[in-house]
PDB file of N, CA and C in Angstrom:
ATOM      1  N   MET A   1      17.364 -12.641  -3.530  1.00  0.00           N
ATOM      2  CA  MET A   1      17.291 -11.189  -3.415  1.00  0.00           C
ATOM      3  C   MET A   1      18.557 -10.703  -2.710  1.00  0.00           C
ATOM      4  N   ARG A   2      19.128  -9.676  -3.251  1.00  0.00           N
ATOM      5  CA  ARG A   2      20.322  -9.094  -2.650  1.00  0.00           C
ATOM      6  C   ARG A   2      19.958  -8.414  -1.335  1.00  0.00           C
ATOM      7  N   VAL A   3      20.920  -8.349  -0.459  1.00  0.00           N
ATOM      8  CA  VAL A   3      20.681  -7.749   0.852  1.00  0.00           C
ATOM      9  C   VAL A   3      20.511  -6.240   0.739  1.00  0.00           C
ATOM     10  N   TRP A   4      21.179  -5.614  -0.202  1.00  0.00           N
ATOM     11  CA  TRP A   4      21.149  -4.162  -0.301  1.00  0.00           C
ATOM     12  C   TRP A   4      19.954  -3.632  -1.080  1.00  0.00           C
ATOM     13  N   ALA A   5      19.214  -4.466  -1.770  1.00  0.00           N
ATOM     14  CA  ALA A   5      18.099  -4.001  -2.603  1.00  0.00           C
ATOM     15  C   ALA A   5      17.008  -3.286  -1.803  1.00  0.00           C
ATOM     16  N   PRO A   6      16.584  -3.803  -0.640  1.00  0.00           N
ATOM     17  CA  PRO A   6      15.566  -3.057   0.116  1.00  0.00           C
ATOM     18  C   PRO A   6      16.052  -1.685   0.565  1.00  0.00           C
ATOM     19  N   TYR A   7      17.327  -1.601   0.924  1.00  0.00           N
ATOM     20  CA  TYR A   7      17.867  -0.322   1.372  1.00  0.00           C
ATOM     21  C   TYR A   7      17.935   0.687   0.226  1.00  0.00           C
ATOM     22  N   VAL A   8      18.281   0.207  -0.951  1.00  0.00           N
ATOM     23  CA  VAL A   8      18.297   1.087  -2.125  1.00  0.00           C
ATOM     24  C   VAL A   8      16.883   1.586  -2.417  1.00  0.00           C
ATOM     25  N   LEU A   9      15.898   0.693  -2.324  1.00  0.00           N
ATOM     26  CA  LEU A   9      14.511   1.109  -2.539  1.00  0.00           C
ATOM     27  C   LEU A   9      14.063   2.116  -1.493  1.00  0.00           C
ATOM     28  N   LEU A  10      14.463   1.920  -0.240  1.00  0.00           N
ATOM     29  CA  LEU A  10      14.104   2.868   0.817  1.00  0.00           C
ATOM     30  C   LEU A  10      14.689   4.251   0.553  1.00  0.00           C
ATOM     31  N   VAL A  11      15.967   4.293   0.234  1.00  0.00           N
ATOM     32  CA  VAL A  11      16.628   5.582   0.009  1.00  0.00           C
ATOM     33  C   VAL A  11      16.098   6.248  -1.255  1.00  0.00           C
ATOM     34  N   ALA A  12      15.962   5.486  -2.331  1.00  0.00           N
ATOM     35  CA  ALA A  12      15.458   6.064  -3.584  1.00  0.00           C
ATOM     36  C   ALA A  12      14.014   6.526  -3.426  1.00  0.00           C
ATOM     37  N   GLY A  13      13.185   5.726  -2.760  1.00  0.00           N
ATOM     38  CA  GLY A  13      11.793   6.115  -2.553  1.00  0.00           C
ATOM     39  C   GLY A  13      11.667   7.366  -1.709  1.00  0.00           C
ATOM     40  N   ALA A  14      12.480   7.458  -0.652  1.00  0.00           N
ATOM     41  CA  ALA A  14      12.444   8.658   0.185  1.00  0.00           C
ATOM     42  C   ALA A  14      12.914   9.884  -0.590  1.00  0.00           C
ATOM     43  N   ALA A  15      13.941   9.720  -1.408  1.00  0.00           N
ATOM     44  CA  ALA A  15      14.436  10.849  -2.202  1.00  0.00           C
ATOM     45  C   ALA A  15      13.408  11.292  -3.240  1.00  0.00           C
ATOM     46  N   ILE A  16      12.769  10.345  -3.905  1.00  0.00           N
ATOM     47  CA  ILE A  16      11.763  10.684  -4.916  1.00  0.00           C
ATOM     48  C   ILE A  16      10.557  11.353  -4.264  1.00  0.00           C
ATOM     49  N   SER A  17      10.119  10.839  -3.121  1.00  0.00           N
ATOM     50  CA  SER A  17       8.981  11.433  -2.417  1.00  0.00           C
ATOM     51  C   SER A  17       9.299  12.852  -1.970  1.00  0.00           C
ATOM     52  N   THR A  18      10.495  13.043  -1.436  1.00  0.00           N
ATOM     53  CA  THR A  18      10.891  14.377  -0.985  1.00  0.00           C
ATOM     54  C   THR A  18      10.961  15.348  -2.155  1.00  0.00           C
ATOM     55  N   LEU A  19      11.503  14.906  -3.276  1.00  0.00           N
ATOM     56  CA  LEU A  19      11.567  15.759  -4.462  1.00  0.00           C
ATOM     57  C   LEU A  19      10.166  16.139  -4.940  1.00  0.00           C
ATOM     58  N   GLY A  20       9.259  15.169  -4.992  1.00  0.00           N
ATOM     59  CA  GLY A  20       7.896  15.458  -5.426  1.00  0.00           C
ATOM     60  C   GLY A  20       7.189  16.426  -4.504  1.00  0.00           C
ATOM     61  N   LEU A  21       7.344  16.241  -3.190  1.00  0.00           N
ATOM     62  CA  LEU A  21       6.714  17.156  -2.238  1.00  0.00           C
ATOM     63  C   LEU A  21       7.325  18.549  -2.315  1.00  0.00           C
ATOM     64  N   TYR A  22       8.645  18.631  -2.456  1.00  0.00           N
ATOM     65  CA  TYR A  22       9.310  19.925  -2.561  1.00  0.00           C
ATOM     66  C   TYR A  22       8.830  20.691  -3.792  1.00  0.00           C
ATOM     67  N   ARG A  23       8.737  20.003  -4.912  1.00  0.00           N
ATOM     68  CA  ARG A  23       8.292  20.673  -6.140  1.00  0.00           C
ATOM     69  C   ARG A  23       6.828  21.086  -6.051  1.00  0.00           C
ATOM     70  N   ALA A  24       5.999  20.273  -5.385  1.00  0.00           N
ATOM     71  CA  ALA A  24       4.589  20.640  -5.217  1.00  0.00           C
ATOM     72  C   ALA A  24       4.454  21.877  -4.341  1.00  0.00           C
ATOM     73  N   VAL A  25       5.231  21.956  -3.265  1.00  0.00           N
ATOM     74  CA  VAL A  25       5.198  23.141  -2.399  1.00  0.00           C
ATOM     75  C   VAL A  25       5.681  24.365  -3.169  1.00  0.00           C
ATOM     76  N   ALA A  26       6.711  24.208  -3.984  1.00  0.00           N
ATOM     77  CA  ALA A  26       7.198  25.330  -4.795  1.00  0.00           C
ATOM     78  C   ALA A  26       6.130  25.796  -5.779  1.00  0.00           C
ATOM     79  N   LEU A  27       5.389  24.863  -6.372  1.00  0.00           N
ATOM     80  CA  LEU A  27       4.310  25.235  -7.293  1.00  0.00           C
ATOM     81  C   LEU A  27       3.218  26.016  -6.580  1.00  0.00           C
ATOM     82  N   TYR A  28       2.803  25.527  -5.413  1.00  0.00           N
ATOM     83  CA  TYR A  28       1.749  26.206  -4.666  1.00  0.00           C
ATOM     84  C   TYR A  28       2.194  27.585  -4.205  1.00  0.00           C
ATOM     85  N   SER A  29       3.415  27.701  -3.722  1.00  0.00           N
ATOM     86  CA  SER A  29       3.868  29.013  -3.256  1.00  0.00           C
ATOM     87  C   SER A  29       3.971  29.998  -4.414  1.00  0.00           C
ATOM     88  N   ARG A  30       4.432  29.551  -5.577  1.00  0.00           N
ATOM     89  CA  ARG A  30       4.491  30.440  -6.741  1.00  0.00           C
ATOM     90  C   ARG A  30       3.091  30.852  -7.180  1.00  0.00           C
ATOM     91  N   PHE A  31       2.141  29.916  -7.125  1.00  0.00           N
ATOM     92  CA  PHE A  31       0.768  30.232  -7.503  1.00  0.00           C
ATOM     93  C   PHE A  31       0.159  31.244  -6.538  1.00  0.00           C
ATOM     94  N   PHE A  32       0.366  31.062  -5.233  1.00  0.00           N
ATOM     95  CA  PHE A  32      -0.245  31.965  -4.265  1.00  0.00           C
ATOM     96  C   PHE A  32       0.401  33.343  -4.270  1.00  0.00           C
ATOM     97  N   ARG A  33       1.659  33.443  -4.692  1.00  0.00           N
ATOM     98  CA  ARG A  33       2.281  34.760  -4.821  1.00  0.00           C
ATOM     99  C   ARG A  33       1.699  35.535  -5.994  1.00  0.00           C
ATOM    100  N   THR A  34       1.295  34.851  -7.038  1.00  0.00           N
ATOM    101  CA  THR A  34       0.851  35.538  -8.251  1.00  0.00           C
ATOM    102  C   THR A  34      -0.665  35.547  -8.426  1.00  0.00           C
ATOM    103  N   ARG A  35      -1.421  35.017  -7.486  1.00  0.00           N
ATOM    104  CA  ARG A  35      -2.862  34.879  -7.736  1.00  0.00           C
ATOM    105  C   ARG A  35      -3.637  36.181  -7.624  1.00  0.00           C
ATOM    106  N   ASN A  36      -3.114  37.195  -6.943  1.00  0.00           N
ATOM    107  CA  ASN A  36      -3.857  38.443  -6.781  1.00  0.00           C
ATOM    108  C   ASN A  36      -3.411  39.527  -7.752  1.00  0.00           C
ATOM    109  N   ARG A  37      -2.756  39.153  -8.805  1.00  0.00           N
ATOM    110  CA  ARG A  37      -2.372  40.134  -9.825  1.00  0.00           C
ATOM    111  C   ARG A  37      -3.608  40.612 -10.570  1.00  0.00           C
ATOM    112  N   PRO A  38      -3.575  41.848 -11.026  1.00  0.00           N
ATOM    113  CA  PRO A  38      -4.746  42.374 -11.743  1.00  0.00           C
ATOM    114  C   PRO A  38      -4.793  41.893 -13.194  1.00  0.00           C
ATOM    115  N   ASP A  39      -4.951  40.615 -13.387  1.00  0.00           N
ATOM    116  CA  ASP A  39      -5.084  40.039 -14.722  1.00  0.00           C
ATOM    117  C   ASP A  39      -6.559  39.831 -15.028  1.00  0.00           C
ATOM    118  N   ASP A  40      -6.810  39.462 -16.243  1.00  0.00           N
ATOM    119  CA  ASP A  40      -8.182  39.120 -16.585  1.00  0.00           C
ATOM    120  C   ASP A  40      -8.501  37.731 -16.043  1.00  0.00           C
ATOM    121  N   GLY A  41      -9.777  37.399 -16.013  1.00  0.00           N
ATOM    122  CA  GLY A  41     -10.219  36.122 -15.465  1.00  0.00           C
ATOM    123  C   GLY A  41      -9.723  34.930 -16.252  1.00  0.00           C
ATOM    124  N   LYS A  42      -9.524  35.125 -17.552  1.00  0.00           N
ATOM    125  CA  LYS A  42      -9.060  34.019 -18.384  1.00  0.00           C
ATOM    126  C   LYS A  42      -7.631  33.610 -18.016  1.00  0.00           C
ATOM    127  N   ALA A  43      -6.792  34.590 -17.723  1.00  0.00           N
ATOM    128  CA  ALA A  43      -5.412  34.286 -17.327  1.00  0.00           C
ATOM    129  C   ALA A  43      -5.379  33.591 -15.970  1.00  0.00           C
ATOM    130  N   ARG A  44      -6.249  34.024 -15.056  1.00  0.00           N
ATOM    131  CA  ARG A  44      -6.308  33.366 -13.745  1.00  0.00           C
ATOM    132  C   ARG A  44      -6.793  31.934 -13.875  1.00  0.00           C
ATOM    133  N   ALA A  45      -7.776  31.705 -14.734  1.00  0.00           N
ATOM    134  CA  ALA A  45      -8.276  30.344 -14.941  1.00  0.00           C
ATOM    135  C   ALA A  45      -7.191  29.463 -15.557  1.00  0.00           C
ATOM    136  N   ALA A  46      -6.430  30.020 -16.483  1.00  0.00           N
ATOM    137  CA  ALA A  46      -5.333  29.258 -17.086  1.00  0.00           C
ATOM    138  C   ALA A  46      -4.263  28.936 -16.048  1.00  0.00           C
ATOM    139  N   ALA A  47      -3.992  29.890 -15.147  1.00  0.00           N
ATOM    140  CA  ALA A  47      -3.003  29.642 -14.092  1.00  0.00           C
ATOM    141  C   ALA A  47      -3.485  28.556 -13.138  1.00  0.00           C
ATOM    142  N   ARG A  48      -4.764  28.543 -12.827  1.00  0.00           N
ATOM    143  CA  ARG A  48      -5.308  27.499 -11.950  1.00  0.00           C
ATOM    144  C   ARG A  48      -5.231  26.126 -12.615  1.00  0.00           C
ATOM    145  N   LEU A  49      -5.546  26.077 -13.888  1.00  0.00           N
ATOM    146  CA  LEU A  49      -5.461  24.809 -14.611  1.00  0.00           C
ATOM    147  C   LEU A  49      -4.016  24.326 -14.682  1.00  0.00           C
ATOM    148  N   GLU A  50      -3.102  25.244 -14.907  1.00  0.00           N
ATOM    149  CA  GLU A  50      -1.679  24.886 -14.955  1.00  0.00           C
ATOM    150  C   GLU A  50      -1.196  24.389 -13.596  1.00  0.00           C
ATOM    151  N   LEU A  51      -1.681  25.019 -12.520  1.00  0.00           N
ATOM    152  CA  LEU A  51      -1.312  24.568 -11.178  1.00  0.00           C
ATOM    153  C   LEU A  51      -1.825  23.158 -10.918  1.00  0.00           C
ATOM    154  N   ALA A  52      -3.072  22.903 -11.259  1.00  0.00           N
ATOM    155  CA  ALA A  52      -3.643  21.571 -11.034  1.00  0.00           C
ATOM    156  C   ALA A  52      -2.922  20.524 -11.878  1.00  0.00           C
ATOM    157  N   TYR A  53      -2.586  20.873 -13.097  1.00  0.00           N
ATOM    158  CA  TYR A  53      -1.868  19.954 -13.989  1.00  0.00           C
ATOM    159  C   TYR A  53      -0.489  19.620 -13.419  1.00  0.00           C
ATOM    160  N   SER A  54       0.250  20.636 -13.020  1.00  0.00           N
ATOM    161  CA  SER A  54       1.591  20.411 -12.477  1.00  0.00           C
ATOM    162  C   SER A  54       1.542  19.680 -11.143  1.00  0.00           C
ATOM    163  N   ALA A  55       0.544  20.005 -10.324  1.00  0.00           N
ATOM    164  CA  ALA A  55       0.419  19.322  -9.032  1.00  0.00           C
ATOM    165  C   ALA A  55       0.083  17.848  -9.220  1.00  0.00           C
ATOM    166  N   SER A  56      -0.683  17.519 -10.247  1.00  0.00           N
ATOM    167  CA  SER A  56      -0.985  16.103 -10.476  1.00  0.00           C
ATOM    168  C   SER A  56       0.263  15.347 -10.930  1.00  0.00           C
ATOM    169  N   ILE A  57       1.128  16.004 -11.692  1.00  0.00           N
ATOM    170  CA  ILE A  57       2.401  15.371 -12.064  1.00  0.00           C
ATOM    171  C   ILE A  57       3.237  15.110 -10.814  1.00  0.00           C
ATOM    172  N   GLU A  58       3.292  16.095  -9.920  1.00  0.00           N
ATOM    173  CA  GLU A  58       4.071  15.918  -8.694  1.00  0.00           C
ATOM    174  C   GLU A  58       3.449  14.873  -7.778  1.00  0.00           C
ATOM    175  N   ALA A  59       2.138  14.727  -7.814  1.00  0.00           N
ATOM    176  CA  ALA A  59       1.491  13.671  -7.023  1.00  0.00           C
ATOM    177  C   ALA A  59       1.856  12.291  -7.559  1.00  0.00           C
ATOM    178  N   VAL A  60       1.975  12.171  -8.869  1.00  0.00           N
ATOM    179  CA  VAL A  60       2.428  10.899  -9.449  1.00  0.00           C
ATOM    180  C   VAL A  60       3.849  10.597  -8.981  1.00  0.00           C
ATOM    181  N   VAL A  61       4.718  11.594  -9.020  1.00  0.00           N
ATOM    182  CA  VAL A  61       6.106  11.405  -8.586  1.00  0.00           C
ATOM    183  C   VAL A  61       6.153  11.007  -7.114  1.00  0.00           C
ATOM    184  N   THR A  62       5.384  11.703  -6.273  1.00  0.00           N
ATOM    185  CA  THR A  62       5.368  11.391  -4.846  1.00  0.00           C
ATOM    186  C   THR A  62       4.801  10.001  -4.591  1.00  0.00           C
ATOM    187  N   GLY A  63       3.745   9.628  -5.309  1.00  0.00           N
ATOM    188  CA  GLY A  63       3.169   8.298  -5.144  1.00  0.00           C
ATOM    189  C   GLY A  63       4.135   7.192  -5.517  1.00  0.00           C
ATOM    190  N   VAL A  64       4.901   7.404  -6.574  1.00  0.00           N
ATOM    191  CA  VAL A  64       5.908   6.407  -6.969  1.00  0.00           C
ATOM    192  C   VAL A  64       6.983   6.299  -5.890  1.00  0.00           C
ATOM    193  N   GLY A  65       7.379   7.434  -5.325  1.00  0.00           N
ATOM    194  CA  GLY A  65       8.384   7.403  -4.260  1.00  0.00           C
ATOM    195  C   GLY A  65       7.894   6.693  -3.012  1.00  0.00           C
ATOM    196  N   VAL A  66       6.657   6.959  -2.613  1.00  0.00           N
ATOM    197  CA  VAL A  66       6.097   6.287  -1.437  1.00  0.00           C
ATOM    198  C   VAL A  66       5.955   4.790  -1.704  1.00  0.00           C
ATOM    199  N   GLU A  67       5.540   4.435  -2.910  1.00  0.00           N
ATOM    200  CA  GLU A  67       5.411   3.014  -3.261  1.00  0.00           C
ATOM    201  C   GLU A  67       6.768   2.313  -3.205  1.00  0.00           C
ATOM    202  N   ALA A  68       7.811   2.954  -3.720  1.00  0.00           N
ATOM    203  CA  ALA A  68       9.150   2.354  -3.663  1.00  0.00           C
ATOM    204  C   ALA A  68       9.616   2.206  -2.221  1.00  0.00           C
ATOM    205  N   THR A  69       9.312   3.199  -1.386  1.00  0.00           N
ATOM    206  CA  THR A  69       9.678   3.104   0.027  1.00  0.00           C
ATOM    207  C   THR A  69       8.975   1.937   0.702  1.00  0.00           C
ATOM    208  N   LEU A  70       7.683   1.787   0.445  1.00  0.00           N
ATOM    209  CA  LEU A  70       6.945   0.691   1.074  1.00  0.00           C
ATOM    210  C   LEU A  70       7.373  -0.675   0.540  1.00  0.00           C
ATOM    211  N   ILE A  71       7.722  -0.758  -0.730  1.00  0.00           N
ATOM    212  CA  ILE A  71       8.230  -2.029  -1.260  1.00  0.00           C
ATOM    213  C   ILE A  71       9.554  -2.379  -0.582  1.00  0.00           C
ATOM    214  N   GLY A  72      10.403  -1.367  -0.373  1.00  0.00           N
ATOM    215  CA  GLY A  72      11.650  -1.607   0.352  1.00  0.00           C
ATOM    216  C   GLY A  72      11.400  -2.082   1.771  1.00  0.00           C
ATOM    217  N   LEU A  73      10.430  -1.469   2.451  1.00  0.00           N
ATOM    218  CA  LEU A  73      10.079  -1.925   3.799  1.00  0.00           C
ATOM    219  C   LEU A  73       9.513  -3.334   3.777  1.00  0.00           C
ATOM    220  N   PHE A  74       8.704  -3.622   2.773  1.00  0.00           N
ATOM    221  CA  PHE A  74       8.114  -4.955   2.651  1.00  0.00           C
ATOM    222  C   PHE A  74       9.193  -6.013   2.445  1.00  0.00           C
ATOM    223  N   LEU A  75      10.180  -5.703   1.610  1.00  0.00           N
ATOM    224  CA  LEU A  75      11.267  -6.651   1.373  1.00  0.00           C
ATOM    225  C   LEU A  75      12.176  -6.790   2.590  1.00  0.00           C
ATOM    226  N   LEU A  76      12.318  -5.707   3.339  1.00  0.00           N
ATOM    227  CA  LEU A  76      13.184  -5.725   4.511  1.00  0.00           C
ATOM    228  C   LEU A  76      12.554  -6.488   5.665  1.00  0.00           C
ATOM    229  N   ASP A  77      11.257  -6.279   5.869  1.00  0.00           N
ATOM    230  CA  ASP A  77      10.553  -6.889   6.993  1.00  0.00           C
ATOM    231  C   ASP A  77       9.264  -7.493   6.460  1.00  0.00           C
ATOM    232  N   HIS A  78       9.203  -8.785   6.333  1.00  0.00           N
ATOM    233  CA  HIS A  78       8.040  -9.441   5.729  1.00  0.00           C
ATOM    234  C   HIS A  78       6.814  -9.451   6.633  1.00  0.00           C
ATOM    235  N   GLN A  79       6.888  -8.814   7.796  1.00  0.00           N
ATOM    236  CA  GLN A  79       5.728  -8.743   8.673  1.00  0.00           C
ATOM    237  C   GLN A  79       4.764  -7.647   8.240  1.00  0.00           C
ATOM    238  N   LEU A  80       5.170  -6.836   7.317  1.00  0.00           N
ATOM    239  CA  LEU A  80       4.299  -5.794   6.781  1.00  0.00           C
ATOM    240  C   LEU A  80       3.238  -6.450   5.904  1.00  0.00           C
ATOM    241  N   PRO A  81       1.946  -6.148   6.121  1.00  0.00           N
ATOM    242  CA  PRO A  81       0.909  -6.792   5.307  1.00  0.00           C
ATOM    243  C   PRO A  81       1.005  -6.351   3.845  1.00  0.00           C
ATOM    244  N   TRP A  82       0.689  -7.253   2.937  1.00  0.00           N
ATOM    245  CA  TRP A  82       0.829  -6.972   1.506  1.00  0.00           C
ATOM    246  C   TRP A  82      -0.138  -5.901   1.038  1.00  0.00           C
ATOM    247  N   TRP A  83      -1.301  -5.800   1.663  1.00  0.00           N
ATOM    248  CA  TRP A  83      -2.311  -4.848   1.203  1.00  0.00           C
ATOM    249  C   TRP A  83      -1.924  -3.409   1.500  1.00  0.00           C
ATOM    250  N   ILE A  84      -0.924  -3.195   2.351  1.00  0.00           N
ATOM    251  CA  ILE A  84      -0.482  -1.831   2.641  1.00  0.00           C
ATOM    252  C   ILE A  84       0.138  -1.194   1.394  1.00  0.00           C
ATOM    253  N   LEU A  85       0.588  -2.034   0.452  1.00  0.00           N
ATOM    254  CA  LEU A  85       1.177  -1.521  -0.790  1.00  0.00           C
ATOM    255  C   LEU A  85       0.128  -0.933  -1.728  1.00  0.00           C
ATOM    256  N   LEU A  86      -1.143  -1.227  -1.481  1.00  0.00           N
ATOM    257  CA  LEU A  86      -2.200  -0.733  -2.367  1.00  0.00           C
ATOM    258  C   LEU A  86      -2.508   0.749  -2.153  1.00  0.00           C
ATOM    259  N   GLY A  87      -2.208   1.292  -0.973  1.00  0.00           N
ATOM    260  CA  GLY A  87      -2.489   2.701  -0.685  1.00  0.00           C
ATOM    261  C   GLY A  87      -1.762   3.661  -1.615  1.00  0.00           C
ATOM    262  N   PRO A  88      -0.426   3.617  -1.653  1.00  0.00           N
ATOM    263  CA  PRO A  88       0.287   4.502  -2.573  1.00  0.00           C
ATOM    264  C   PRO A  88      -0.011   4.199  -4.035  1.00  0.00           C
ATOM    265  N   LEU A  89      -0.293   2.941  -4.336  1.00  0.00           N
ATOM    266  CA  LEU A  89      -0.644   2.590  -5.710  1.00  0.00           C
ATOM    267  C   LEU A  89      -1.948   3.266  -6.115  1.00  0.00           C
ATOM    268  N   ALA A  90      -2.919   3.289  -5.203  1.00  0.00           N
ATOM    269  CA  ALA A  90      -4.179   3.982  -5.486  1.00  0.00           C
ATOM    270  C   ALA A  90      -3.955   5.482  -5.632  1.00  0.00           C
ATOM    271  N   MET A  91      -3.073   6.045  -4.792  1.00  0.00           N
ATOM    272  CA  MET A  91      -2.750   7.475  -4.905  1.00  0.00           C
ATOM    273  C   MET A  91      -2.097   7.763  -6.250  1.00  0.00           C
ATOM    274  N   TRP A  92      -1.188   6.903  -6.663  1.00  0.00           N
ATOM    275  CA  TRP A  92      -0.493   7.087  -7.932  1.00  0.00           C
ATOM    276  C   TRP A  92      -1.466   6.995  -9.099  1.00  0.00           C
ATOM    277  N   LEU A  93      -2.366   6.029  -9.058  1.00  0.00           N
ATOM    278  CA  LEU A  93      -3.336   5.871 -10.150  1.00  0.00           C
ATOM    279  C   LEU A  93      -4.315   7.036 -10.210  1.00  0.00           C
ATOM    280  N   ALA A  94      -4.757   7.532  -9.055  1.00  0.00           N
ATOM    281  CA  ALA A  94      -5.662   8.686  -9.044  1.00  0.00           C
ATOM    282  C   ALA A  94      -4.970   9.930  -9.591  1.00  0.00           C
ATOM    283  N   ALA A  95      -3.722  10.135  -9.207  1.00  0.00           N
ATOM    284  CA  ALA A  95      -2.981  11.286  -9.720  1.00  0.00           C
ATOM    285  C   ALA A  95      -2.715  11.150 -11.214  1.00  0.00           C
ATOM    286  N   ALA A  96      -2.441   9.948 -11.677  1.00  0.00           N
ATOM    287  CA  ALA A  96      -2.241   9.735 -13.112  1.00  0.00           C
ATOM    288  C   ALA A  96      -3.531   9.992 -13.879  1.00  0.00           C
ATOM    289  N   ASN A  97      -4.662   9.603 -13.296  1.00  0.00           N
ATOM    290  CA  ASN A  97      -5.950   9.868 -13.930  1.00  0.00           C
ATOM    291  C   ASN A  97      -6.202  11.369 -14.039  1.00  0.00           C
ATOM    292  N   SER A  98      -5.948  12.120 -12.969  1.00  0.00           N
ATOM    293  CA  SER A  98      -6.162  13.560 -13.065  1.00  0.00           C
ATOM    294  C   SER A  98      -5.148  14.213 -13.991  1.00  0.00           C
ATOM    295  N   PHE A  99      -3.932  13.671 -14.086  1.00  0.00           N
ATOM    296  CA  PHE A  99      -2.947  14.194 -15.027  1.00  0.00           C
ATOM    297  C   PHE A  99      -3.454  14.064 -16.459  1.00  0.00           C
ATOM    298  N   VAL A 100      -3.975  12.896 -16.809  1.00  0.00           N
ATOM    299  CA  VAL A 100      -4.476  12.673 -18.169  1.00  0.00           C
ATOM    300  C   VAL A 100      -5.684  13.561 -18.448  1.00  0.00           C
ATOM    301  N   THR A 101      -6.587  13.667 -17.475  1.00  0.00           N
ATOM    302  CA  THR A 101      -7.776  14.504 -17.653  1.00  0.00           C
ATOM    303  C   THR A 101      -7.402  15.969 -17.814  1.00  0.00           C
ATOM    304  N   LEU A 102      -6.496  16.456 -16.965  1.00  0.00           N
ATOM    305  CA  LEU A 102      -6.103  17.861 -17.041  1.00  0.00           C
ATOM    306  C   LEU A 102      -5.290  18.159 -18.294  1.00  0.00           C
ATOM    307  N   ARG A 103      -4.530  17.188 -18.779  1.00  0.00           N
ATOM    308  CA  ARG A 103      -3.812  17.400 -20.036  1.00  0.00           C
ATOM    309  C   ARG A 103      -4.803  17.586 -21.180  1.00  0.00           C
ATOM    310  N   TYR A 104      -5.871  16.789 -21.170  1.00  0.00           N
ATOM    311  CA  TYR A 104      -6.914  16.926 -22.185  1.00  0.00           C
ATOM    312  C   TYR A 104      -7.591  18.296 -22.077  1.00  0.00           C
ATOM    313  N   LEU A 105      -7.922  18.710 -20.848  1.00  0.00           N
ATOM    314  CA  LEU A 105      -8.571  20.010 -20.670  1.00  0.00           C
ATOM    315  C   LEU A 105      -7.650  21.157 -21.062  1.00  0.00           C
ATOM    316  N   ARG A 106      -6.365  21.014 -20.778  1.00  0.00           N
ATOM    317  CA  ARG A 106      -5.416  22.063 -21.135  1.00  0.00           C
ATOM    318  C   ARG A 106      -5.303  22.201 -22.646  1.00  0.00           C
ATOM    319  N   ARG A 107      -5.252  21.085 -23.349  1.00  0.00           N
ATOM    320  CA  ARG A 107      -5.203  21.143 -24.818  1.00  0.00           C
ATOM    321  C   ARG A 107      -6.485  21.736 -25.383  1.00  0.00           C
ATOM    322  N   ARG A 108      -7.596  21.376 -24.783  1.00  0.00           N
ATOM    323  CA  ARG A 108      -8.886  21.876 -25.263  1.00  0.00           C
ATOM    324  C   ARG A 108      -9.039  23.374 -25.010  1.00  0.00           C
ATOM    325  N   ALA A 109      -8.491  23.846 -23.876  1.00  0.00           N
ATOM    326  CA  ALA A 109      -8.593  25.266 -23.549  1.00  0.00           C
ATOM    327  C   ALA A 109      -7.737  26.121 -24.473  1.00  0.00           C
ATOM    328  N   ARG A 110      -6.657  25.567 -24.982  1.00  0.00           N
ATOM    329  CA  ARG A 110      -5.800  26.319 -25.900  1.00  0.00           C
ATOM    330  C   ARG A 110      -6.450  26.521 -27.257  1.00  0.00           C
ATOM    331  N   GLY A 111      -7.370  25.668 -27.577  1.00  0.00           N
ATOM    332  CA  GLY A 111      -8.051  25.787 -28.855  1.00  0.00           C
ATOM    333  C   GLY A 111      -7.370  24.971 -29.930  1.00  0.00           C
ATOM    334  N   PRO A 112      -7.902  25.023 -31.139  1.00  0.00           N
ATOM    335  CA  PRO A 112      -7.310  24.245 -32.236  1.00  0.00           C
ATOM    336  C   PRO A 112      -5.933  24.778 -32.606  1.00  0.00           C
ATOM    337  N   SER A 113      -5.022  23.866 -32.870  1.00  0.00           N
ATOM    338  CA  SER A 113      -3.651  24.273 -33.215  1.00  0.00           C
ATOM    339  C   SER A 113      -3.513  24.488 -34.692  1.00  0.00           C
TER     340      SER A 113
END
């Protein structure tokens, strides 16, 4: 194993996690600015579904970044227990599951194409 590989994983994981969190905060702030508009209920429901769909994508991105960071830490210092890597992996899998479910619901809500 190269000496620089753990450091690259640490930096890349931190950058990916920060990007995912930044985009999720931007999504939430945009949603909360527009949620009290006098639209019909159907448009509000579509906006909520779109927010949940986009947030699940950002959760996948953040989970991958945290996992890369922890793998870098694991490679750098082998005193880190191996099971600690399962936490972000579970977060990533749960977010991927909600992404797939919400994509199905979004297609179904649009109706037949």
